[in-house]
N, C-alpha and C. Protein backbone atom coordinates (compact mmCIF):
# COMPACT_ATOMS: atom_id res chain seq x y z
N MET A 1 36.62 -46.07 123.25
CA MET A 1 35.79 -45.82 122.42
C MET A 1 34.64 -45.39 122.90
N GLU A 2 33.98 -44.16 122.84
CA GLU A 2 32.54 -43.54 123.32
C GLU A 2 31.51 -44.22 123.01
N ILE A 3 30.45 -44.21 124.20
CA ILE A 3 29.39 -44.98 123.78
C ILE A 3 28.41 -43.80 124.26
N LYS A 4 27.01 -43.57 123.64
CA LYS A 4 26.47 -43.01 124.26
C LYS A 4 24.97 -43.83 125.12
N ARG A 5 24.90 -43.20 126.37
CA ARG A 5 24.20 -44.06 126.86
C ARG A 5 23.28 -43.21 127.59
N THR A 6 21.83 -43.69 127.40
CA THR A 6 20.54 -43.27 128.54
C THR A 6 20.46 -44.46 129.99
N ILE A 7 20.32 -43.57 130.97
CA ILE A 7 20.41 -44.24 132.49
C ILE A 7 19.44 -43.54 132.89
N THR A 8 18.30 -44.43 133.64
CA THR A 8 17.23 -43.85 134.31
C THR A 8 17.41 -44.46 135.67
N VAL A 9 16.98 -43.64 136.87
CA VAL A 9 17.35 -43.94 138.35
C VAL A 9 16.27 -44.04 139.23
N THR A 10 15.53 -44.48 139.40
CA THR A 10 14.30 -44.41 140.47
C THR A 10 14.88 -44.33 142.01
N VAL A 11 14.93 -42.94 142.84
CA VAL A 11 15.23 -43.07 143.59
C VAL A 11 14.13 -42.53 144.82
N LEU A 12 14.60 -42.77 146.11
CA LEU A 12 13.55 -41.77 147.40
C LEU A 12 13.79 -40.43 146.82
N ASN A 13 12.85 -39.85 147.21
CA ASN A 13 12.59 -38.22 146.89
C ASN A 13 12.90 -37.44 147.82
N GLU A 14 14.42 -37.29 148.38
CA GLU A 14 14.85 -36.92 149.39
C GLU A 14 15.91 -35.94 148.84
N HIS A 15 16.66 -35.00 149.85
CA HIS A 15 17.32 -34.04 149.68
C HIS A 15 18.89 -34.64 149.41
N GLY A 16 19.32 -33.90 148.41
CA GLY A 16 20.74 -34.34 148.40
C GLY A 16 21.01 -35.83 146.90
N VAL A 17 19.96 -36.29 146.81
CA VAL A 17 20.25 -37.36 145.90
C VAL A 17 21.00 -36.86 144.64
N LEU A 18 20.13 -36.11 144.32
CA LEU A 18 20.68 -35.55 142.79
C LEU A 18 22.49 -35.33 143.01
N SER A 19 22.81 -34.38 144.24
CA SER A 19 23.82 -34.31 144.14
C SER A 19 25.10 -35.39 144.22
N ARG A 20 24.08 -36.45 145.03
CA ARG A 20 25.41 -37.59 145.03
C ARG A 20 25.51 -38.29 143.96
N ILE A 21 24.43 -38.38 143.32
CA ILE A 21 24.53 -39.08 141.50
C ILE A 21 25.20 -38.40 140.70
N SER A 22 25.36 -37.14 140.60
CA SER A 22 25.83 -36.52 139.67
C SER A 22 27.64 -36.25 139.81
N GLY A 23 27.60 -36.40 141.27
CA GLY A 23 29.16 -36.77 141.82
C GLY A 23 30.03 -37.72 140.95
N LEU A 24 28.94 -38.99 141.06
CA LEU A 24 29.62 -39.89 140.50
C LEU A 24 30.29 -39.50 139.15
N PHE A 25 29.35 -38.76 138.40
CA PHE A 25 30.03 -38.94 137.39
C PHE A 25 31.20 -37.36 136.98
N ALA A 26 31.13 -36.63 137.69
CA ALA A 26 31.73 -35.15 138.07
C ALA A 26 33.19 -36.07 138.47
N GLY A 27 32.76 -36.83 139.65
CA GLY A 27 34.25 -37.71 140.04
C GLY A 27 35.14 -37.99 139.16
N ARG A 28 34.36 -38.71 138.06
CA ARG A 28 35.56 -39.38 136.77
C ARG A 28 35.38 -38.50 135.05
N GLY A 29 35.42 -37.37 135.50
CA GLY A 29 35.09 -36.58 134.40
C GLY A 29 34.29 -36.45 133.41
N TYR A 30 33.39 -36.85 133.97
CA TYR A 30 32.25 -37.47 132.60
C TYR A 30 31.24 -36.42 132.69
N ASN A 31 30.82 -35.68 131.56
CA ASN A 31 29.97 -34.88 131.36
C ASN A 31 28.47 -35.48 131.39
N ILE A 32 27.23 -34.86 131.98
CA ILE A 32 26.20 -35.15 131.65
C ILE A 32 25.33 -34.37 130.84
N GLU A 33 24.83 -34.95 129.51
CA GLU A 33 24.33 -34.15 128.35
C GLU A 33 22.99 -33.54 128.76
N SER A 34 22.29 -34.35 129.29
CA SER A 34 21.08 -34.06 129.97
C SER A 34 20.87 -34.55 131.06
N LEU A 35 19.82 -33.71 131.90
CA LEU A 35 19.26 -34.37 132.85
C LEU A 35 18.30 -34.09 133.43
N THR A 36 16.92 -34.83 133.52
CA THR A 36 15.45 -34.67 133.79
C THR A 36 15.18 -35.46 134.92
N VAL A 37 14.55 -34.69 136.00
CA VAL A 37 14.38 -35.10 137.12
C VAL A 37 12.22 -34.71 137.34
N ALA A 38 11.87 -36.04 138.01
CA ALA A 38 10.40 -35.30 138.64
C ALA A 38 10.32 -36.69 139.29
N PRO A 39 8.69 -36.16 140.18
CA PRO A 39 8.03 -37.41 141.20
C PRO A 39 7.65 -38.19 140.24
N ILE A 40 7.56 -39.67 140.72
CA ILE A 40 6.95 -40.59 140.18
C ILE A 40 5.39 -40.21 141.14
N LEU A 41 4.39 -40.43 140.16
CA LEU A 41 2.80 -39.83 140.48
C LEU A 41 2.40 -41.11 141.72
N ASP A 42 2.14 -40.64 142.92
CA ASP A 42 1.92 -40.56 144.42
C ASP A 42 2.50 -41.93 144.96
N THR A 43 3.87 -41.64 144.96
CA THR A 43 4.58 -42.08 145.44
C THR A 43 5.86 -40.90 146.17
N ASN A 44 6.79 -41.63 147.31
CA ASN A 44 7.87 -40.82 147.52
C ASN A 44 9.11 -41.14 147.13
N LEU A 45 8.80 -41.35 145.59
CA LEU A 45 10.08 -41.96 144.57
C LEU A 45 10.51 -40.37 143.78
N SER A 46 11.02 -40.22 142.93
CA SER A 46 11.40 -39.52 141.51
C SER A 46 12.06 -40.55 140.81
N ARG A 47 11.96 -39.89 139.67
CA ARG A 47 12.47 -40.55 138.45
C ARG A 47 14.09 -39.67 137.76
N ILE A 48 14.72 -40.02 138.03
CA ILE A 48 16.02 -39.19 137.41
C ILE A 48 16.72 -39.94 135.76
N THR A 49 16.64 -38.99 135.06
CA THR A 49 17.06 -39.74 133.40
C THR A 49 18.46 -38.82 133.37
N ILE A 50 19.58 -39.50 132.74
CA ILE A 50 20.67 -39.18 132.50
C ILE A 50 21.09 -39.85 131.19
N ALA A 51 21.51 -38.65 130.22
CA ALA A 51 22.05 -38.94 129.01
C ALA A 51 23.45 -38.37 129.20
N THR A 52 24.25 -39.53 128.80
CA THR A 52 25.47 -39.29 128.49
C THR A 52 26.67 -40.10 127.74
N LYS A 53 27.59 -39.94 127.60
CA LYS A 53 28.50 -39.94 126.79
C LYS A 53 29.68 -40.74 127.36
N GLY A 54 30.30 -41.90 126.71
CA GLY A 54 31.98 -42.05 127.45
C GLY A 54 32.20 -43.60 127.48
N ASP A 55 33.33 -43.66 127.88
CA ASP A 55 33.78 -44.92 127.46
C ASP A 55 33.45 -45.96 128.70
N GLY A 56 33.12 -47.01 127.48
CA GLY A 56 32.23 -48.22 128.16
C GLY A 56 32.58 -48.83 129.52
N LYS A 57 33.49 -48.92 129.64
CA LYS A 57 34.67 -49.12 131.20
C LYS A 57 33.95 -48.61 132.63
N VAL A 58 34.05 -47.55 131.64
CA VAL A 58 33.69 -46.22 133.07
C VAL A 58 32.42 -46.05 133.89
N LEU A 59 31.89 -45.93 131.93
CA LEU A 59 30.25 -45.86 132.81
C LEU A 59 29.59 -47.25 133.27
N GLU A 60 30.45 -48.85 132.46
CA GLU A 60 29.70 -49.64 133.75
C GLU A 60 30.43 -49.50 135.06
N GLN A 61 31.14 -49.13 135.31
CA GLN A 61 31.50 -48.87 136.66
C GLN A 61 30.43 -47.57 137.42
N ILE A 62 30.04 -46.93 136.66
CA ILE A 62 29.24 -46.11 137.15
C ILE A 62 28.28 -46.10 137.52
N ILE A 63 27.44 -47.17 136.69
CA ILE A 63 26.27 -47.73 137.04
C ILE A 63 26.35 -49.16 138.23
N LYS A 64 27.30 -49.33 138.09
CA LYS A 64 27.30 -50.27 139.21
C LYS A 64 27.46 -49.58 140.96
N GLN A 65 27.90 -48.41 140.53
CA GLN A 65 28.21 -47.67 141.92
C GLN A 65 26.87 -47.01 142.22
N LEU A 66 26.12 -46.77 141.12
CA LEU A 66 24.58 -45.94 141.14
C LEU A 66 23.74 -47.06 142.10
N HIS A 67 23.92 -48.41 141.54
CA HIS A 67 22.90 -49.27 142.29
C HIS A 67 23.40 -49.70 143.65
N LYS A 68 24.67 -48.89 144.10
CA LYS A 68 24.95 -49.67 145.62
C LYS A 68 24.41 -48.27 146.38
N LEU A 69 24.34 -46.93 145.97
CA LEU A 69 23.77 -45.55 146.44
C LEU A 69 22.40 -45.84 147.53
N ILE A 70 22.55 -45.71 148.52
CA ILE A 70 21.60 -45.96 149.26
C ILE A 70 19.96 -45.56 149.07
N PRO A 71 19.87 -44.05 148.56
CA PRO A 71 18.38 -44.00 148.31
C PRO A 71 18.03 -44.26 146.63
N VAL A 72 18.68 -45.37 145.96
CA VAL A 72 18.81 -45.67 144.56
C VAL A 72 18.20 -47.00 144.71
N LEU A 73 16.67 -47.02 144.25
CA LEU A 73 15.82 -48.17 144.07
C LEU A 73 15.97 -48.97 142.94
N LYS A 74 16.61 -49.04 141.97
CA LYS A 74 16.33 -49.35 140.65
C LYS A 74 17.38 -48.42 139.14
N VAL A 75 18.07 -48.99 138.92
CA VAL A 75 18.87 -48.41 137.86
C VAL A 75 18.43 -49.14 136.00
N LEU A 76 18.09 -48.48 135.29
CA LEU A 76 17.91 -48.93 133.75
C LEU A 76 18.81 -48.30 132.72
N GLU A 77 19.05 -49.24 131.82
CA GLU A 77 19.81 -48.56 130.79
C GLU A 77 19.26 -48.74 129.26
N ASN A 78 19.62 -48.08 128.15
CA ASN A 78 19.25 -48.00 126.91
C ASN A 78 17.85 -49.40 126.61
N GLU A 79 18.29 -50.24 126.33
CA GLU A 79 17.97 -51.18 126.23
C GLU A 79 16.37 -51.66 126.76
N GLN A 80 16.64 -51.30 127.91
CA GLN A 80 15.18 -51.18 128.71
C GLN A 80 13.86 -50.42 128.78
N ILE A 81 14.61 -49.31 128.08
CA ILE A 81 13.81 -47.89 128.47
C ILE A 81 13.26 -47.49 127.13
N ILE A 82 12.10 -46.52 126.99
CA ILE A 82 12.05 -45.86 125.68
C ILE A 82 12.03 -44.49 125.80
N GLU A 83 12.53 -43.80 124.65
CA GLU A 83 12.85 -42.05 125.23
C GLU A 83 12.57 -41.59 123.98
N GLN A 84 12.49 -40.27 124.83
CA GLN A 84 11.54 -39.18 124.10
C GLN A 84 12.60 -37.67 124.51
N GLU A 85 12.10 -36.70 123.77
CA GLU A 85 12.72 -35.62 123.91
C GLU A 85 11.94 -34.33 123.33
N SER A 86 11.64 -33.18 124.15
CA SER A 86 10.49 -32.17 123.53
C SER A 86 11.80 -31.21 123.19
N LEU A 87 10.95 -30.34 122.46
CA LEU A 87 11.68 -29.14 122.13
C LEU A 87 10.42 -27.95 121.32
N LEU A 88 11.28 -26.79 122.18
CA LEU A 88 10.17 -25.76 121.82
C LEU A 88 10.85 -24.65 121.14
N ALA A 89 10.32 -24.18 119.94
CA ALA A 89 10.81 -23.26 119.08
C ALA A 89 10.49 -21.74 119.11
N LYS A 90 10.91 -21.18 118.79
CA LYS A 90 10.32 -19.56 118.81
C LYS A 90 10.54 -19.01 117.26
N PHE A 91 9.61 -18.50 116.52
CA PHE A 91 9.87 -17.87 114.94
C PHE A 91 9.22 -16.56 115.19
N SER A 92 9.91 -15.68 114.25
CA SER A 92 8.88 -13.73 114.20
C SER A 92 8.34 -14.66 113.26
N LEU A 93 7.10 -13.76 113.02
CA LEU A 93 5.99 -13.99 112.15
C LEU A 93 6.24 -13.68 110.49
N ASP A 94 7.30 -13.20 110.38
CA ASP A 94 7.68 -12.96 108.97
C ASP A 94 8.43 -14.10 108.37
N VAL A 95 8.11 -15.29 108.88
CA VAL A 95 8.70 -16.71 108.12
C VAL A 95 7.66 -17.31 107.45
N ASN A 96 7.75 -18.08 107.14
CA ASN A 96 6.77 -19.00 106.53
C ASN A 96 6.37 -20.28 107.37
N LEU A 97 5.13 -19.47 108.32
CA LEU A 97 4.70 -20.63 109.04
C LEU A 97 4.12 -21.64 108.78
N SER A 98 3.52 -22.05 107.56
CA SER A 98 2.97 -22.98 107.27
C SER A 98 4.29 -24.13 106.80
N GLU A 99 5.17 -23.58 106.29
CA GLU A 99 6.42 -24.35 106.04
C GLU A 99 6.97 -25.10 107.25
N ILE A 100 7.20 -24.28 108.39
CA ILE A 100 7.47 -24.72 109.59
C ILE A 100 6.21 -25.37 110.45
N SER A 101 5.36 -25.25 109.84
CA SER A 101 4.17 -26.06 110.47
C SER A 101 4.57 -27.51 109.78
N THR A 102 4.75 -27.81 108.52
CA THR A 102 4.61 -28.68 107.99
C THR A 102 6.28 -29.76 108.24
N ILE A 103 6.91 -29.25 108.92
CA ILE A 103 8.08 -29.89 109.22
C ILE A 103 8.02 -30.35 110.82
N PHE A 104 7.24 -29.07 111.85
CA PHE A 104 7.06 -29.81 112.93
C PHE A 104 5.97 -31.19 112.99
N GLN A 105 5.18 -31.01 111.65
CA GLN A 105 4.60 -32.06 112.17
C GLN A 105 5.14 -33.19 111.57
N SER A 106 6.02 -33.35 110.79
CA SER A 106 6.81 -34.96 110.40
C SER A 106 7.71 -35.45 111.39
N PHE A 107 7.60 -34.61 112.85
CA PHE A 107 8.17 -34.81 114.25
C PHE A 107 7.69 -34.56 115.11
N HIS A 108 6.22 -35.38 115.10
CA HIS A 108 5.57 -35.40 116.05
C HIS A 108 5.10 -33.96 116.83
N GLY A 109 5.13 -32.93 115.95
CA GLY A 109 4.76 -31.45 116.53
C GLY A 109 3.57 -30.95 116.03
N ARG A 110 3.70 -29.58 116.66
CA ARG A 110 2.54 -28.77 116.21
C ARG A 110 2.63 -27.22 116.39
N LEU A 111 1.66 -26.39 116.18
CA LEU A 111 1.94 -25.24 116.57
C LEU A 111 1.11 -24.88 117.77
N LEU A 112 1.98 -24.18 118.53
CA LEU A 112 1.51 -24.13 120.15
C LEU A 112 0.83 -22.90 120.29
N GLU A 113 1.63 -21.99 119.97
CA GLU A 113 0.78 -20.40 120.20
C GLU A 113 1.22 -19.57 119.35
N VAL A 114 0.27 -18.38 118.84
CA VAL A 114 0.98 -17.49 118.08
C VAL A 114 0.36 -16.23 118.52
N ASN A 115 1.30 -15.27 118.80
CA ASN A 115 0.79 -13.93 119.60
C ASN A 115 1.24 -12.89 118.79
N ASP A 116 1.37 -11.23 118.69
CA ASP A 116 1.23 -10.16 117.73
C ASP A 116 2.98 -10.35 117.53
N LYS A 117 3.59 -11.11 118.41
CA LYS A 117 5.26 -10.80 118.33
C LYS A 117 5.91 -12.30 117.56
N CYS A 118 5.44 -13.33 117.88
CA CYS A 118 6.26 -14.50 117.46
C CYS A 118 5.27 -15.54 117.55
N ALA A 119 5.69 -17.05 116.94
CA ALA A 119 4.64 -18.14 116.56
C ALA A 119 5.88 -18.74 117.51
N ILE A 120 4.92 -20.20 118.29
CA ILE A 120 5.85 -21.10 119.07
C ILE A 120 5.16 -22.55 118.87
N PHE A 121 6.47 -23.30 118.41
CA PHE A 121 5.86 -24.49 117.75
C PHE A 121 6.69 -25.57 118.80
N VAL A 122 6.26 -26.81 119.19
CA VAL A 122 6.61 -27.87 119.65
C VAL A 122 7.03 -29.22 119.29
N ALA A 123 7.57 -29.72 119.42
CA ALA A 123 7.95 -31.47 119.04
C ALA A 123 8.22 -32.41 120.29
N CYS A 124 8.18 -33.07 119.80
CA CYS A 124 8.48 -34.35 120.88
C CYS A 124 8.80 -35.69 119.75
N ASP A 125 10.15 -36.09 120.20
CA ASP A 125 10.23 -37.37 119.45
C ASP A 125 11.87 -38.11 120.15
N THR A 126 12.24 -39.13 119.61
CA THR A 126 13.44 -39.25 119.85
C THR A 126 14.74 -38.38 120.04
N HIS A 127 15.82 -38.23 120.60
CA HIS A 127 16.83 -37.63 120.63
C HIS A 127 17.29 -37.37 119.26
N ALA A 128 17.55 -38.10 118.43
CA ALA A 128 18.15 -38.30 116.91
C ALA A 128 17.04 -37.51 115.97
N LYS A 129 16.05 -37.90 116.26
CA LYS A 129 14.90 -36.91 115.08
C LYS A 129 14.63 -35.50 115.81
N ILE A 130 15.28 -35.27 117.09
CA ILE A 130 15.16 -33.85 117.47
C ILE A 130 16.25 -33.09 116.76
N ASN A 131 17.54 -33.56 117.10
CA ASN A 131 18.67 -33.00 116.30
C ASN A 131 18.25 -33.08 114.37
N THR A 132 17.82 -34.07 113.99
CA THR A 132 17.66 -33.89 112.63
C THR A 132 16.04 -32.52 112.54
N LEU A 133 15.60 -32.24 113.54
CA LEU A 133 14.47 -31.42 113.47
C LEU A 133 15.28 -30.10 113.56
N LEU A 134 16.00 -29.89 114.31
CA LEU A 134 16.84 -28.51 114.47
C LEU A 134 17.46 -28.19 113.33
N ASN A 135 18.29 -29.58 112.39
CA ASN A 135 19.32 -29.12 111.26
C ASN A 135 18.12 -28.16 110.19
N ALA A 136 16.46 -29.06 110.20
CA ALA A 136 15.90 -28.63 109.60
C ALA A 136 15.44 -27.40 109.60
N LEU A 137 15.62 -27.01 110.61
CA LEU A 137 15.09 -25.32 111.42
C LEU A 137 16.03 -24.37 110.90
N LYS A 138 16.98 -24.79 110.76
CA LYS A 138 18.37 -23.65 110.74
C LYS A 138 18.09 -22.76 109.70
N SER A 139 17.61 -22.88 108.26
CA SER A 139 17.34 -21.79 107.50
C SER A 139 16.36 -20.94 107.61
N TYR A 140 15.46 -21.18 108.89
CA TYR A 140 14.08 -20.41 109.15
C TYR A 140 14.65 -19.28 110.36
N LYS A 141 16.12 -19.54 110.69
CA LYS A 141 16.56 -18.60 111.87
C LYS A 141 15.69 -18.36 112.86
N PRO A 142 15.47 -19.67 113.76
CA PRO A 142 14.47 -19.37 114.98
C PRO A 142 15.23 -18.32 115.99
N LYS A 143 14.15 -17.83 116.46
CA LYS A 143 14.68 -16.30 117.56
C LYS A 143 14.71 -17.40 119.35
N ASP A 144 14.78 -18.21 119.11
CA ASP A 144 15.01 -19.08 120.30
C ASP A 144 14.37 -20.61 120.43
N ILE A 145 15.16 -21.35 121.23
CA ILE A 145 15.29 -22.76 121.08
C ILE A 145 15.17 -23.61 122.20
N THR A 146 14.64 -24.37 123.07
CA THR A 146 14.84 -25.08 124.41
C THR A 146 14.37 -26.57 124.37
N ARG A 147 15.52 -27.34 124.87
CA ARG A 147 14.94 -28.75 124.99
C ARG A 147 15.13 -29.01 126.29
N SER A 148 14.23 -30.45 126.11
CA SER A 148 13.53 -30.82 127.39
C SER A 148 14.81 -31.85 128.22
N GLY A 149 15.67 -32.54 127.31
CA GLY A 149 16.50 -33.42 127.57
C GLY A 149 16.05 -34.42 127.45
N ILE A 150 16.16 -35.84 127.38
CA ILE A 150 15.93 -36.69 127.14
C ILE A 150 14.90 -37.47 128.36
N LEU A 151 13.80 -37.84 128.14
CA LEU A 151 12.58 -38.19 129.08
C LEU A 151 12.87 -40.00 128.50
N ALA A 152 12.88 -40.82 130.05
CA ALA A 152 12.76 -42.47 129.57
C ALA A 152 11.47 -42.67 130.22
N ILE A 153 11.26 -43.74 130.08
CA ILE A 153 10.40 -45.07 131.19
C ILE A 153 10.60 -46.14 130.77
N GLU A 154 10.34 -46.79 131.57
CA GLU A 154 10.50 -48.48 131.29
C GLU A 154 10.09 -49.33 130.76
N SER A 155 10.17 -49.99 129.50
CA SER A 155 9.84 -50.48 128.19
C SER A 155 8.93 -52.12 128.86
N GLN A 156 9.42 -52.82 129.93
CA GLN A 156 8.67 -53.87 130.32
C GLN A 156 8.75 -53.33 132.07
N SER A 157 7.27 -54.24 132.31
CA SER A 157 6.99 -54.20 133.83
C SER A 157 7.23 -55.54 134.11
């Protein structure tokens, strides 16, 4: 049975770390659905957030092996983290921007920019709600959409 898993990994910010971590997944034939990496403020560390799904037994093995990698300092999973995802969507000016704006407001979003060619909206919500937003936007025929991937932070210190 496939399980959806979000994992955050705190690592030393050095070259090759991302390659070693992604290699754990590739070596077992598991896809990384989203991957975000960013330095942690005022440190020599980075946070890597990985969204994946797969068999629970193999995911547990991956998590155990993540703990063993030299540059890895901490590994957290779904229960211990708060998740959010961002979405940017571009629409032509001939659609009803007022309706689209109302939809985006329901998903912690807003109009970001309007120029003479298009309107760009942004939303930030859970992964599941971003998927719901995407379904709600289909009938408005967005010109382009991009997603950030899941961002996560430890819920307890």
